[in-house]
N, C-alpha and C. Protein backbone atom coordinates (compact mmCIF):
# COMPACT_ATOMS: atom_id res chain seq x y z
N UNK A 1 0.93 -1.04 0.04
CA UNK A 1 0.01 -0.01 0.15
C UNK A 1 0.85 1.24 0.12
N UNK A 2 0.43 2.11 -0.77
CA UNK A 2 1.11 3.50 -0.80
C UNK A 2 0.97 4.35 0.42
N UNK A 3 1.87 5.27 0.88
CA UNK A 3 1.64 6.02 1.93
C UNK A 3 1.88 7.37 1.32
N UNK A 4 1.05 8.21 1.73
CA UNK A 4 1.16 9.60 1.28
C UNK A 4 1.88 10.63 2.32
N UNK A 5 2.96 11.15 1.93
CA UNK A 5 3.66 11.99 2.64
C UNK A 5 3.85 13.27 1.93
N UNK A 6 4.06 14.31 2.80
CA UNK A 6 4.36 15.58 2.44
C UNK A 6 5.53 16.30 3.02
N UNK A 7 6.09 17.33 2.28
CA UNK A 7 7.21 17.83 2.95
C UNK A 7 7.03 19.44 2.64
N UNK A 8 7.25 20.14 3.56
CA UNK A 8 7.05 21.60 3.53
C UNK A 8 8.25 22.32 2.60
N UNK A 9 7.82 23.29 1.99
CA UNK A 9 8.87 23.90 1.08
C UNK A 9 8.19 25.33 0.54
N UNK A 10 8.81 25.87 -0.39
CA UNK A 10 8.31 27.15 -1.01
C UNK A 10 8.28 26.91 -2.64
N UNK A 11 7.13 27.56 -3.24
CA UNK A 11 7.16 27.38 -4.61
C UNK A 11 7.52 28.93 -5.16
N UNK A 12 8.62 29.18 -5.94
CA UNK A 12 9.02 30.29 -6.26
C UNK A 12 8.85 30.48 -7.76
N UNK A 13 8.28 31.83 -8.21
CA UNK A 13 7.92 31.94 -9.74
C UNK A 13 8.70 33.34 -9.85
N UNK A 14 8.97 33.59 -11.30
CA UNK A 14 9.31 34.77 -11.74
C UNK A 14 8.52 35.28 -12.88
N UNK A 15 7.80 36.52 -12.61
CA UNK A 15 6.97 36.88 -13.74
C UNK A 15 7.45 38.04 -14.52
N UNK A 16 7.26 38.14 -15.61
CA UNK A 16 7.66 39.37 -16.38
C UNK A 16 6.31 40.05 -17.07
N UNK A 17 6.35 41.43 -17.24
CA UNK A 17 5.31 42.10 -17.67
C UNK A 17 5.87 43.33 -18.54
N UNK A 18 5.26 43.52 -19.74
CA UNK A 18 5.59 44.66 -20.62
C UNK A 18 4.59 45.68 -20.31
N UNK A 19 5.04 46.85 -19.72
CA UNK A 19 4.09 47.88 -19.23
C UNK A 19 3.69 48.81 -20.36
N UNK A 20 4.44 48.95 -21.37
CA UNK A 20 4.09 49.74 -22.58
C UNK A 20 2.84 49.35 -23.28
N UNK A 21 2.53 47.95 -23.38
CA UNK A 21 1.37 47.29 -24.07
C UNK A 21 0.36 46.86 -23.08
N UNK A 22 0.50 47.12 -21.83
CA UNK A 22 -0.41 46.61 -20.87
C UNK A 22 -0.69 45.09 -21.10
N UNK A 23 0.41 44.49 -21.17
CA UNK A 23 0.38 43.03 -21.24
C UNK A 23 0.15 42.35 -20.11
N UNK A 24 -0.41 41.21 -20.02
CA UNK A 24 -0.78 40.58 -18.75
C UNK A 24 0.70 39.85 -18.33
N UNK A 25 0.96 39.73 -17.02
CA UNK A 25 2.08 39.12 -16.64
C UNK A 25 2.32 37.78 -17.35
N UNK A 26 3.58 37.32 -17.59
CA UNK A 26 3.83 36.01 -18.06
C UNK A 26 4.91 35.27 -17.35
N UNK A 27 4.47 34.06 -17.05
CA UNK A 27 5.46 33.17 -16.12
C UNK A 27 6.86 32.91 -16.98
N UNK A 28 7.79 33.46 -16.44
CA UNK A 28 9.27 33.45 -17.16
C UNK A 28 9.96 32.01 -16.53
N UNK A 29 9.64 31.71 -15.02
CA UNK A 29 10.41 30.45 -14.53
C UNK A 29 9.78 30.26 -13.23
N UNK A 30 10.18 29.04 -12.77
CA UNK A 30 9.65 28.75 -11.28
C UNK A 30 10.75 27.74 -10.83
N UNK A 31 10.69 27.61 -9.37
CA UNK A 31 11.82 26.92 -8.88
C UNK A 31 11.20 26.40 -7.56
N UNK A 32 11.30 24.87 -7.18
CA UNK A 32 10.90 24.59 -5.79
C UNK A 32 11.92 24.63 -4.89
N UNK A 33 11.70 25.30 -3.78
CA UNK A 33 12.90 25.34 -2.75
C UNK A 33 12.29 24.74 -1.54
N UNK A 34 13.11 24.01 -0.75
CA UNK A 34 12.80 23.10 0.21
C UNK A 34 13.14 23.73 1.63
N UNK A 35 13.62 25.13 1.66
CA UNK A 35 13.77 25.86 2.93
C UNK A 35 13.70 27.26 2.68
N UNK A 36 13.51 27.91 3.83
CA UNK A 36 13.37 29.56 3.58
C UNK A 36 14.58 30.16 3.11
N UNK A 37 15.79 29.58 3.50
CA UNK A 37 17.23 30.00 3.09
C UNK A 37 17.34 29.78 1.67
N UNK A 38 16.75 28.65 1.04
CA UNK A 38 16.98 28.23 -0.41
C UNK A 38 16.09 29.21 -1.26
N UNK A 39 15.03 29.44 -0.77
CA UNK A 39 13.99 30.50 -1.41
C UNK A 39 14.56 31.77 -1.40
N UNK A 40 15.07 32.21 -0.32
CA UNK A 40 15.53 33.52 -0.21
C UNK A 40 16.92 33.72 -1.09
N UNK A 41 17.82 32.73 -1.30
CA UNK A 41 18.98 32.63 -2.00
C UNK A 41 18.51 32.66 -3.41
N UNK A 42 17.55 31.90 -3.89
CA UNK A 42 17.08 31.92 -5.24
C UNK A 42 16.82 33.28 -5.89
N UNK A 43 16.16 34.04 -5.01
CA UNK A 43 15.75 35.56 -5.34
C UNK A 43 17.07 36.37 -5.42
N UNK A 44 17.83 36.17 -4.22
CA UNK A 44 19.12 36.91 -4.18
C UNK A 44 20.08 36.76 -5.38
N UNK A 45 20.10 35.59 -5.65
CA UNK A 45 21.21 35.04 -6.72
C UNK A 45 20.67 35.80 -8.06
N UNK A 46 19.26 35.77 -8.39
CA UNK A 46 18.89 36.29 -9.45
C UNK A 46 19.05 37.94 -9.45
N UNK A 47 18.85 38.52 -8.58
CA UNK A 47 18.78 39.88 -8.43
C UNK A 47 20.28 40.33 -8.58
N UNK A 48 21.22 39.57 -8.01
CA UNK A 48 22.51 39.93 -8.16
C UNK A 48 23.17 39.71 -9.60
N UNK A 49 22.43 38.86 -10.13
CA UNK A 49 22.81 38.45 -11.58
C UNK A 49 22.40 39.47 -12.68
N UNK A 50 21.23 39.85 -12.32
CA UNK A 50 20.67 40.95 -13.37
C UNK A 50 21.00 42.39 -13.04
N UNK A 51 21.47 42.68 -11.86
CA UNK A 51 21.59 43.95 -11.66
C UNK A 51 22.43 44.71 -12.33
N UNK A 52 23.59 44.41 -12.83
CA UNK A 52 24.53 45.15 -13.59
C UNK A 52 23.75 45.65 -14.95
N UNK A 53 22.80 44.95 -15.41
CA UNK A 53 22.09 45.03 -16.79
C UNK A 53 20.88 46.10 -16.50
N UNK A 54 20.67 46.42 -15.18
CA UNK A 54 19.37 47.33 -14.90
C UNK A 54 19.93 48.85 -15.06
N UNK A 55 18.90 49.62 -15.13
CA UNK A 55 19.08 51.13 -15.15
C UNK A 55 19.48 51.46 -13.64
N UNK A 56 20.04 52.68 -13.53
CA UNK A 56 20.46 53.15 -12.13
C UNK A 56 19.46 53.04 -11.12
N UNK A 57 18.33 53.53 -11.40
CA UNK A 57 17.34 53.42 -10.21
C UNK A 57 16.99 51.92 -10.03
N UNK A 58 16.85 51.05 -10.97
CA UNK A 58 16.27 49.82 -10.78
C UNK A 58 17.34 48.95 -10.01
N UNK A 59 18.74 49.19 -10.54
CA UNK A 59 19.80 48.57 -9.87
C UNK A 59 19.87 49.01 -8.50
N UNK A 60 19.67 50.02 -8.13
CA UNK A 60 19.71 50.70 -6.71
C UNK A 60 18.60 49.94 -5.90
N UNK A 61 17.39 49.89 -6.42
CA UNK A 61 16.41 49.19 -5.78
C UNK A 61 16.62 47.81 -5.72
N UNK A 62 17.31 46.99 -6.41
CA UNK A 62 17.72 45.53 -6.47
C UNK A 62 18.60 45.42 -5.34
N UNK A 63 19.66 46.33 -5.15
CA UNK A 63 20.75 46.14 -4.11
C UNK A 63 20.01 46.65 -2.73
N UNK A 64 19.25 47.32 -2.66
CA UNK A 64 18.52 47.69 -1.56
C UNK A 64 17.69 46.44 -0.92
N UNK A 65 16.99 45.71 -2.02
CA UNK A 65 16.24 44.43 -1.55
C UNK A 65 17.24 43.41 -1.03
N UNK A 66 18.34 43.47 -1.55
CA UNK A 66 19.37 42.31 -1.24
C UNK A 66 19.75 42.71 -0.06
N UNK A 67 20.12 43.97 0.40
CA UNK A 67 20.84 44.05 1.79
C UNK A 67 20.05 44.72 2.67
N UNK A 68 19.12 45.68 2.62
CA UNK A 68 18.32 46.31 3.70
C UNK A 68 17.02 45.56 3.95
N UNK A 69 16.55 44.76 3.16
CA UNK A 69 15.42 43.95 3.05
C UNK A 69 15.45 42.50 3.42
N UNK A 70 16.70 42.07 3.42
CA UNK A 70 16.92 40.70 3.36
C UNK A 70 16.66 40.11 4.63
N UNK A 71 16.73 40.55 5.77
CA UNK A 71 16.55 40.12 7.19
C UNK A 71 15.05 40.13 7.23
N UNK A 72 14.23 40.98 6.61
CA UNK A 72 12.76 41.00 6.84
C UNK A 72 12.27 40.01 5.87
N UNK A 73 12.77 39.67 4.70
CA UNK A 73 12.42 38.67 3.95
C UNK A 73 12.62 37.39 4.38
N UNK A 74 13.72 37.12 4.93
CA UNK A 74 14.03 35.86 5.85
C UNK A 74 13.13 35.73 6.73
N UNK A 75 12.74 36.44 7.64
CA UNK A 75 12.00 36.54 8.70
C UNK A 75 10.41 36.17 8.21
N UNK A 76 10.06 36.51 7.24
CA UNK A 76 8.71 36.33 6.61
C UNK A 76 8.65 34.94 6.16
N UNK A 77 9.84 34.50 5.56
CA UNK A 77 9.79 33.00 4.95
C UNK A 77 9.83 32.09 6.14
N UNK A 78 10.49 32.45 7.14
CA UNK A 78 10.60 31.46 8.28
C UNK A 78 9.24 31.45 9.04
N UNK A 79 8.36 32.63 8.95
CA UNK A 79 6.96 32.60 9.38
C UNK A 79 6.15 31.62 8.47
N UNK A 80 6.73 31.41 7.18
CA UNK A 80 5.85 30.78 6.13
C UNK A 80 4.98 31.61 5.71
N UNK A 81 5.24 32.92 5.31
CA UNK A 81 4.42 33.82 4.78
C UNK A 81 4.70 33.96 3.48
N UNK A 82 4.01 34.33 2.48
CA UNK A 82 4.05 34.59 1.13
C UNK A 82 4.83 35.88 0.91
N UNK A 83 5.83 36.09 -0.11
CA UNK A 83 6.67 37.17 -0.26
C UNK A 83 6.78 37.65 -1.68
N UNK A 84 6.70 38.70 -1.95
CA UNK A 84 6.79 39.20 -3.47
C UNK A 84 7.73 40.55 -3.41
N UNK A 85 8.55 40.38 -4.42
CA UNK A 85 9.42 41.73 -4.71
C UNK A 85 9.31 41.77 -6.23
N UNK A 86 8.95 43.20 -6.61
CA UNK A 86 9.19 43.71 -8.05
C UNK A 86 10.25 44.64 -8.31
N UNK A 87 10.68 44.57 -9.54
CA UNK A 87 11.76 45.48 -9.95
C UNK A 87 11.17 46.04 -11.44
N UNK A 88 11.08 47.31 -11.63
CA UNK A 88 10.84 47.76 -12.88
C UNK A 88 11.92 48.36 -13.69
N UNK A 89 12.24 47.85 -14.82
CA UNK A 89 13.34 48.31 -15.55
C UNK A 89 12.97 48.86 -16.97
N UNK A 90 13.09 50.09 -17.11
CA UNK A 90 12.44 50.78 -18.58
C UNK A 90 11.00 50.44 -18.53
N UNK A 91 10.47 49.53 -19.42
CA UNK A 91 9.08 49.37 -19.52
C UNK A 91 8.76 47.79 -19.04
N UNK A 92 9.70 47.14 -18.46
CA UNK A 92 9.39 45.79 -17.96
C UNK A 92 9.46 45.72 -16.48
N UNK A 93 8.38 45.07 -15.95
CA UNK A 93 8.30 44.84 -14.64
C UNK A 93 8.70 43.39 -14.36
N UNK A 94 9.49 43.09 -13.42
CA UNK A 94 9.93 41.61 -12.99
C UNK A 94 9.50 41.53 -11.78
N UNK A 95 8.73 40.41 -11.58
CA UNK A 95 8.23 40.16 -10.30
C UNK A 95 8.74 38.84 -9.72
N UNK A 96 9.01 38.67 -8.45
CA UNK A 96 9.41 37.16 -7.98
C UNK A 96 8.58 37.06 -6.76
N UNK A 97 7.88 35.79 -6.75
CA UNK A 97 6.85 35.45 -5.70
C UNK A 97 7.34 34.17 -5.11
N UNK A 98 7.04 34.13 -3.81
CA UNK A 98 7.77 33.01 -3.03
C UNK A 98 6.42 32.61 -2.05
N UNK A 99 5.94 31.40 -2.27
CA UNK A 99 4.63 31.17 -1.52
C UNK A 99 5.09 29.75 -0.73
N UNK A 100 4.60 29.71 0.58
CA UNK A 100 4.74 28.30 1.19
C UNK A 100 3.79 27.21 0.67
N UNK A 101 4.33 26.05 0.47
CA UNK A 101 3.61 25.00 0.01
C UNK A 101 3.79 23.74 0.67
N UNK A 102 3.13 22.72 0.47
CA UNK A 102 3.51 21.33 0.92
C UNK A 102 3.60 20.50 -0.35
N UNK A 103 4.81 20.00 -0.50
CA UNK A 103 5.12 19.13 -1.67
C UNK A 103 4.60 17.75 -1.44
N UNK A 104 4.03 17.17 -2.38
CA UNK A 104 3.39 15.72 -2.36
C UNK A 104 4.60 14.79 -3.06
N UNK A 105 4.89 13.94 -2.50
CA UNK A 105 6.00 13.12 -3.03
C UNK A 105 5.15 12.09 -4.05
N UNK A 106 5.93 11.95 -5.23
CA UNK A 106 5.21 11.16 -6.13
C UNK A 106 5.57 9.68 -5.98
N UNK A 107 4.76 8.76 -6.40
CA UNK A 107 5.36 7.30 -6.25
C UNK A 107 6.38 7.04 -7.30
N UNK A 108 7.48 6.24 -6.73
CA UNK A 108 8.46 6.05 -7.57
C UNK A 108 8.04 4.49 -8.04
N UNK A 109 7.96 4.35 -9.30
CA UNK A 109 7.72 3.00 -9.88
C UNK A 109 8.53 1.69 -9.58
N UNK A 110 9.65 2.23 -9.45
CA UNK A 110 10.80 1.17 -9.09
C UNK A 110 10.89 0.67 -7.67
N UNK A 111 10.46 1.67 -6.73
CA UNK A 111 10.70 1.49 -5.39
C UNK A 111 9.42 0.79 -4.62
N UNK A 112 8.22 1.09 -5.08
CA UNK A 112 7.01 0.58 -4.54
C UNK A 112 6.13 0.07 -5.40
N UNK A 113 5.44 -0.96 -4.91
CA UNK A 113 4.43 -1.69 -5.72
C UNK A 113 3.16 -0.79 -5.87
N UNK A 114 2.61 -0.37 -6.91
CA UNK A 114 1.70 0.34 -7.13
C UNK A 114 0.16 -0.44 -6.82
N UNK A 115 -0.96 0.13 -6.36
CA UNK A 115 -2.22 -0.60 -6.38
C UNK A 115 -2.61 -1.07 -7.59
N UNK A 116 -3.44 -2.21 -7.62
CA UNK A 116 -3.73 -2.90 -8.90
C UNK A 116 -4.66 -1.90 -9.77
N UNK A 117 -5.44 -0.99 -9.08
CA UNK A 117 -6.11 0.04 -10.00
C UNK A 117 -5.35 0.95 -10.76
N UNK A 118 -3.96 0.95 -10.55
CA UNK A 118 -3.18 1.79 -11.38
C UNK A 118 -2.86 1.17 -12.58
N UNK A 119 -3.11 0.04 -12.81
CA UNK A 119 -2.80 -0.93 -14.32
C UNK A 119 -3.97 -0.90 -15.03
N UNK A 120 -5.10 -0.37 -14.46
CA UNK A 120 -6.57 -0.54 -15.01
C UNK A 120 -6.65 0.70 -15.98
N UNK A 121 -6.01 1.74 -15.90
CA UNK A 121 -6.11 2.98 -16.76
C UNK A 121 -5.73 2.67 -18.31
N UNK A 122 -6.66 3.08 -18.97
CA UNK A 122 -6.58 2.96 -20.41
C UNK A 122 -6.72 4.45 -21.00
N UNK A 123 -5.90 4.96 -21.98
CA UNK A 123 -6.14 6.25 -22.63
C UNK A 123 -7.35 6.10 -23.50
N UNK A 124 -8.02 7.41 -23.43
CA UNK A 124 -9.40 7.40 -24.12
C UNK A 124 -9.08 7.41 -25.47
N UNK A 125 -8.11 7.93 -26.11
CA UNK A 125 -8.01 7.84 -27.29
C UNK A 125 -6.91 6.70 -27.94
N UNK A 126 -7.60 6.10 -28.92
CA UNK A 126 -6.75 5.01 -29.30
C UNK A 126 -5.11 5.16 -29.77
N UNK A 127 -4.98 6.35 -30.12
CA UNK A 127 -3.49 6.76 -30.61
C UNK A 127 -2.51 6.90 -29.46
N UNK A 128 -3.23 7.14 -28.46
CA UNK A 128 -2.26 7.60 -27.21
C UNK A 128 -1.55 6.19 -26.65
């Protein structure tokens, strides 16, 4: 019999939006972090990486987030509170979100015997 287990973590996303054409935000990338430190480091690493390409005001805002707000960010994540930061560069807004989640472990087909009903599934379309 399979046992359901979950593990706490954080779901991190990076969204971009073109403000000139009032475009809806588009998901640029995501990351699953298994600790508050890992989630915080994911955002910090990206901010450090892109900051040289940002205009002066956006770069200053990124470094302020990295240094002045890092303790507040870490505290929020340790309390498992959602956290968001946005940087606007010219006409592009980049937003990072970090949300607490419970990760559901998937069954590994080599390590556990699946229940018999798992083998009864047949695709609805014959070409599948």
